[in-house]
Structure formats: C-alpha cells, structure tokens
PDB file of N, CA and C in Angstrom:
ATOM      1  N   MET A   1       0.845  -1.163   0.000  1.00  0.00           N
ATOM      2  CA  MET A   1       0.000   0.000   0.000  1.00  0.00           C
ATOM      3  C   MET A   1       0.899   1.237   0.000  1.00  0.00           C
ATOM      4  N   GLY A   2       0.494   2.255  -0.721  1.00  0.00           N
ATOM      5  CA  GLY A   2       1.276   3.473  -0.789  1.00  0.00           C
ATOM      6  C   GLY A   2       0.378   4.693  -0.700  1.00  0.00           C
ATOM      7  N   LEU A   3       1.000   5.825  -0.606  1.00  0.00           N
ATOM      8  CA  LEU A   3       0.278   7.083  -0.518  1.00  0.00           C
ATOM      9  C   LEU A   3       0.919   8.060  -1.481  1.00  0.00           C
ATOM     10  N   GLU A   4       0.113   8.651  -2.342  1.00  0.00           N
ATOM     11  CA  GLU A   4       0.610   9.690  -3.233  1.00  0.00           C
ATOM     12  C   GLU A   4       0.253  11.043  -2.633  1.00  0.00           C
ATOM     13  N   PHE A   5       1.185  11.980  -2.713  1.00  0.00           N
ATOM     14  CA  PHE A   5       0.912  13.320  -2.225  1.00  0.00           C
ATOM     15  C   PHE A   5       1.690  14.315  -3.061  1.00  0.00           C
ATOM     16  N   GLU A   6       1.219  15.539  -3.054  1.00  0.00           N
ATOM     17  CA  GLU A   6       1.943  16.617  -3.715  1.00  0.00           C
ATOM     18  C   GLU A   6       2.620  17.443  -2.637  1.00  0.00           C
ATOM     19  N   GLY A   7       3.841  17.803  -2.875  1.00  0.00           N
ATOM     20  CA  GLY A   7       4.572  18.600  -1.904  1.00  0.00           C
ATOM     21  C   GLY A   7       6.012  18.157  -1.832  1.00  0.00           C
ATOM     22  N   LYS A   8       6.716  18.740  -0.932  1.00  0.00           N
ATOM     23  CA  LYS A   8       8.133  18.454  -0.764  1.00  0.00           C
ATOM     24  C   LYS A   8       8.315  17.358   0.273  1.00  0.00           C
ATOM     25  N   ARG A   9       9.228  16.455  -0.006  1.00  0.00           N
ATOM     26  CA  ARG A   9       9.521  15.349   0.901  1.00  0.00           C
ATOM     27  C   ARG A   9      10.835  15.639   1.621  1.00  0.00           C
ATOM     28  N   TYR A  10      10.869  15.386   2.897  1.00  0.00           N
ATOM     29  CA  TYR A  10      12.071  15.572   3.698  1.00  0.00           C
ATOM     30  C   TYR A  10      12.478  14.233   4.295  1.00  0.00           C
ATOM     31  N   ASP A  11      13.740  13.898   4.188  1.00  0.00           N
ATOM     32  CA  ASP A  11      14.252  12.670   4.799  1.00  0.00           C
ATOM     33  C   ASP A  11      14.820  13.038   6.164  1.00  0.00           C
ATOM     34  N   VAL A  12      13.964  13.057   7.176  1.00  0.00           N
ATOM     35  CA  VAL A  12      14.408  13.473   8.505  1.00  0.00           C
ATOM     36  C   VAL A  12      15.181  12.383   9.234  1.00  0.00           C
ATOM     37  N   GLY A  13      15.318  11.226   8.610  1.00  0.00           N
ATOM     38  CA  GLY A  13      16.182  10.184   9.155  1.00  0.00           C
ATOM     39  C   GLY A  13      17.638  10.431   8.802  1.00  0.00           C
ATOM     40  N   ASP A  14      17.859  11.374   7.890  1.00  0.00           N
ATOM     41  CA  ASP A  14      19.196  11.784   7.461  1.00  0.00           C
ATOM     42  C   ASP A  14      19.524  13.098   8.172  1.00  0.00           C
ATOM     43  N   LYS A  15      20.734  13.258   8.648  1.00  0.00           N
ATOM     44  CA  LYS A  15      21.092  14.454   9.425  1.00  0.00           C
ATOM     45  C   LYS A  15      20.867  15.737   8.638  1.00  0.00           C
ATOM     46  N   LEU A  16      21.356  15.786   7.395  1.00  0.00           N
ATOM     47  CA  LEU A  16      21.179  16.992   6.587  1.00  0.00           C
ATOM     48  C   LEU A  16      19.707  17.212   6.254  1.00  0.00           C
ATOM     49  N   GLY A  17      18.992  16.155   5.930  1.00  0.00           N
ATOM     50  CA  GLY A  17      17.566  16.275   5.630  1.00  0.00           C
ATOM     51  C   GLY A  17      16.781  16.828   6.806  1.00  0.00           C
ATOM     52  N   TYR A  18      17.140  16.414   8.007  1.00  0.00           N
ATOM     53  CA  TYR A  18      16.483  16.916   9.218  1.00  0.00           C
ATOM     54  C   TYR A  18      16.718  18.420   9.369  1.00  0.00           C
ATOM     55  N   ILE A  19      17.967  18.840   9.190  1.00  0.00           N
ATOM     56  CA  ILE A  19      18.301  20.263   9.319  1.00  0.00           C
ATOM     57  C   ILE A  19      17.568  21.081   8.264  1.00  0.00           C
ATOM     58  N   GLN A  20      17.552  20.590   7.028  1.00  0.00           N
ATOM     59  CA  GLN A  20      16.849  21.296   5.955  1.00  0.00           C
ATOM     60  C   GLN A  20      15.367  21.444   6.275  1.00  0.00           C
ATOM     61  N   ALA A  21      14.749  20.382   6.759  1.00  0.00           N
ATOM     62  CA  ALA A  21      13.327  20.426   7.096  1.00  0.00           C
ATOM     63  C   ALA A  21      13.059  21.442   8.200  1.00  0.00           C
ATOM     64  N   MET A  22      13.874  21.437   9.242  1.00  0.00           N
ATOM     65  CA  MET A  22      13.657  22.358  10.356  1.00  0.00           C
ATOM     66  C   MET A  22      13.808  23.811   9.907  1.00  0.00           C
ATOM     67  N   ILE A  23      14.811  24.082   9.073  1.00  0.00           N
ATOM     68  CA  ILE A  23      15.004  25.450   8.581  1.00  0.00           C
ATOM     69  C   ILE A  23      13.811  25.876   7.731  1.00  0.00           C
ATOM     70  N   GLU A  24      13.427  25.034   6.780  1.00  0.00           N
ATOM     71  CA  GLU A  24      12.332  25.402   5.884  1.00  0.00           C
ATOM     72  C   GLU A  24      11.009  25.558   6.624  1.00  0.00           C
ATOM     73  N   PHE A  25      10.713  24.662   7.549  1.00  0.00           N
ATOM     74  CA  PHE A  25       9.472  24.783   8.313  1.00  0.00           C
ATOM     75  C   PHE A  25       9.496  26.024   9.197  1.00  0.00           C
ATOM     76  N   SER A  26      10.633  26.322   9.805  1.00  0.00           N
ATOM     77  CA  SER A  26      10.700  27.497  10.675  1.00  0.00           C
ATOM     78  C   SER A  26      10.531  28.783   9.874  1.00  0.00           C
ATOM     79  N   LEU A  27      10.998  28.801   8.625  1.00  0.00           N
ATOM     80  CA  LEU A  27      10.837  29.988   7.787  1.00  0.00           C
ATOM     81  C   LEU A  27       9.398  30.172   7.313  1.00  0.00           C
ATOM     82  N   LYS A  28       8.584  29.142   7.416  1.00  0.00           N
ATOM     83  CA  LYS A  28       7.168  29.243   7.043  1.00  0.00           C
ATOM     84  C   LYS A  28       6.294  29.673   8.219  1.00  0.00           C
ATOM     85  N   ARG A  29       6.877  29.701   9.417  1.00  0.00           N
ATOM     86  CA  ARG A  29       6.119  30.091  10.610  1.00  0.00           C
ATOM     87  C   ARG A  29       6.285  31.583  10.874  1.00  0.00           C
ATOM     88  N   LYS A  30       5.178  32.283  10.981  1.00  0.00           N
ATOM     89  CA  LYS A  30       5.216  33.729  11.214  1.00  0.00           C
ATOM     90  C   LYS A  30       5.929  34.083  12.510  1.00  0.00           C
ATOM     91  N   ASP A  31       5.787  33.235  13.528  1.00  0.00           N
ATOM     92  CA  ASP A  31       6.381  33.539  14.830  1.00  0.00           C
ATOM     93  C   ASP A  31       7.881  33.264  14.881  1.00  0.00           C
ATOM     94  N   LEU A  32       8.432  32.592  13.885  1.00  0.00           N
ATOM     95  CA  LEU A  32       9.856  32.254  13.887  1.00  0.00           C
ATOM     96  C   LEU A  32      10.637  32.854  12.721  1.00  0.00           C
ATOM     97  N   LYS A  33       9.948  33.165  11.642  1.00  0.00           N
ATOM     98  CA  LYS A  33      10.621  33.542  10.397  1.00  0.00           C
ATOM     99  C   LYS A  33      11.664  34.647  10.575  1.00  0.00           C
ATOM    100  N   ASP A  34      11.286  35.762  11.179  1.00  0.00           N
ATOM    101  CA  ASP A  34      12.213  36.889  11.307  1.00  0.00           C
ATOM    102  C   ASP A  34      13.456  36.524  12.114  1.00  0.00           C
ATOM    103  N   ASP A  35      13.275  35.847  13.230  1.00  0.00           N
ATOM    104  CA  ASP A  35      14.415  35.467  14.068  1.00  0.00           C
ATOM    105  C   ASP A  35      15.318  34.458  13.364  1.00  0.00           C
ATOM    106  N   VAL A  36      14.726  33.509  12.669  1.00  0.00           N
ATOM    107  CA  VAL A  36      15.523  32.505  11.953  1.00  0.00           C
ATOM    108  C   VAL A  36      16.280  33.161  10.805  1.00  0.00           C
ATOM    109  N   MET A  37      15.627  34.068  10.074  1.00  0.00           N
ATOM    110  CA  MET A  37      16.308  34.776   8.982  1.00  0.00           C
ATOM    111  C   MET A  37      17.494  35.580   9.520  1.00  0.00           C
ATOM    112  N   MET A  38      17.290  36.256  10.631  1.00  0.00           N
ATOM    113  CA  MET A  38      18.367  37.042  11.234  1.00  0.00           C
ATOM    114  C   MET A  38      19.523  36.128  11.634  1.00  0.00           C
ATOM    115  N   TYR A  39      19.194  35.004  12.243  1.00  0.00           N
ATOM    116  CA  TYR A  39      20.220  34.043  12.643  1.00  0.00           C
ATOM    117  C   TYR A  39      20.990  33.528  11.430  1.00  0.00           C
ATOM    118  N   LEU A  40      20.279  33.150  10.377  1.00  0.00           N
ATOM    119  CA  LEU A  40      20.941  32.615   9.184  1.00  0.00           C
ATOM    120  C   LEU A  40      21.815  33.667   8.510  1.00  0.00           C
ATOM    121  N   GLN A  41      21.341  34.906   8.467  1.00  0.00           N
ATOM    122  CA  GLN A  41      22.147  35.981   7.884  1.00  0.00           C
ATOM    123  C   GLN A  41      23.415  36.218   8.698  1.00  0.00           C
ATOM    124  N   THR A  42      23.290  36.225  10.016  1.00  0.00           N
ATOM    125  CA  THR A  42      24.455  36.400  10.887  1.00  0.00           C
ATOM    126  C   THR A  42      25.425  35.238  10.727  1.00  0.00           C
ATOM    127  N   LEU A  43      24.886  34.039  10.693  1.00  0.00           N
ATOM    128  CA  LEU A  43      25.717  32.851  10.515  1.00  0.00           C
ATOM    129  C   LEU A  43      26.456  32.907   9.186  1.00  0.00           C
ATOM    130  N   TRP A  44      25.739  33.246   8.116  1.00  0.00           N
ATOM    131  CA  TRP A  44      26.358  33.340   6.788  1.00  0.00           C
ATOM    132  C   TRP A  44      27.454  34.408   6.788  1.00  0.00           C
ATOM    133  N   HIS A  45      27.176  35.554   7.395  1.00  0.00           N
ATOM    134  CA  HIS A  45      28.165  36.630   7.464  1.00  0.00           C
ATOM    135  C   HIS A  45      29.408  36.164   8.216  1.00  0.00           C
ATOM    136  N   ASP A  46      29.217  35.483   9.333  1.00  0.00           N
ATOM    137  CA  ASP A  46      30.343  34.987  10.127  1.00  0.00           C
ATOM    138  C   ASP A  46      31.157  33.960   9.352  1.00  0.00           C
ATOM    139  N   ILE A  47      30.479  33.057   8.659  1.00  0.00           N
ATOM    140  CA  ILE A  47      31.174  32.026   7.883  1.00  0.00           C
ATOM    141  C   ILE A  47      31.917  32.654   6.718  1.00  0.00           C
ATOM    142  N   ALA A  48      31.272  33.563   6.001  1.00  0.00           N
ATOM    143  CA  ALA A  48      31.905  34.221   4.856  1.00  0.00           C
ATOM    144  C   ALA A  48      33.109  35.040   5.317  1.00  0.00           C
ATOM    145  N   GLY A  49      32.991  35.670   6.486  1.00  0.00           N
ATOM    146  CA  GLY A  49      34.089  36.457   7.025  1.00  0.00           C
ATOM    147  C   GLY A  49      35.289  35.607   7.387  1.00  0.00           C
ATOM    148  N   CYS A  50      35.050  34.379   7.799  1.00  0.00           N
ATOM    149  CA  CYS A  50      36.134  33.469   8.163  1.00  0.00           C
ATOM    150  C   CYS A  50      36.941  33.043   6.948  1.00  0.00           C
ATOM    151  N   HIS A  51      36.329  33.082   5.770  1.00  0.00           N
ATOM    152  CA  HIS A  51      37.002  32.602   4.564  1.00  0.00           C
ATOM    153  C   HIS A  51      37.679  33.716   3.781  1.00  0.00           C
ATOM    154  N   LYS A  52      37.548  34.951   4.241  1.00  0.00           N
ATOM    155  CA  LYS A  52      38.234  36.055   3.566  1.00  0.00           C
ATOM    156  C   LYS A  52      39.700  36.024   3.963  1.00  0.00           C
ATOM    157  N   GLY A  53      40.499  36.366   2.967  1.00  0.00           N
ATOM    158  CA  GLY A  53      41.743  36.391   3.416  1.00  0.00           C
ATOM    159  C   GLY A  53      43.023  36.608   3.098  1.00  0.00           C
TER     160      GLY A  53
END
C-alpha cells in the first residue's frame, strides 16, 4: 500500500535532511521567520568572514 501526495519530501532520518526540514518549516512560521532569517544571515556573514583572506 502506498500514498501519493503533492509537496516536498524531507528525509528526517538523514542528518542533513532533518536540518533542511527544520530550517524550511521554521521559515514558514510567522512567529519564527524573522528570528531565523536574522540568525541565518548572521551565521552566513560569520562564515563568509572566516574565509576572507
């Protein structure tokens, strides 16, 4: 027996898949989106700054 659905599938049994799912779901939540975006921007800035050189 199977189930067909439309939408995005996340493999949360995989470490990267779990992280991707949590990020994407948090960005869809009004109560989390702004804080998560700010965190990701800060993280990206910090990582990019580490590679300058």
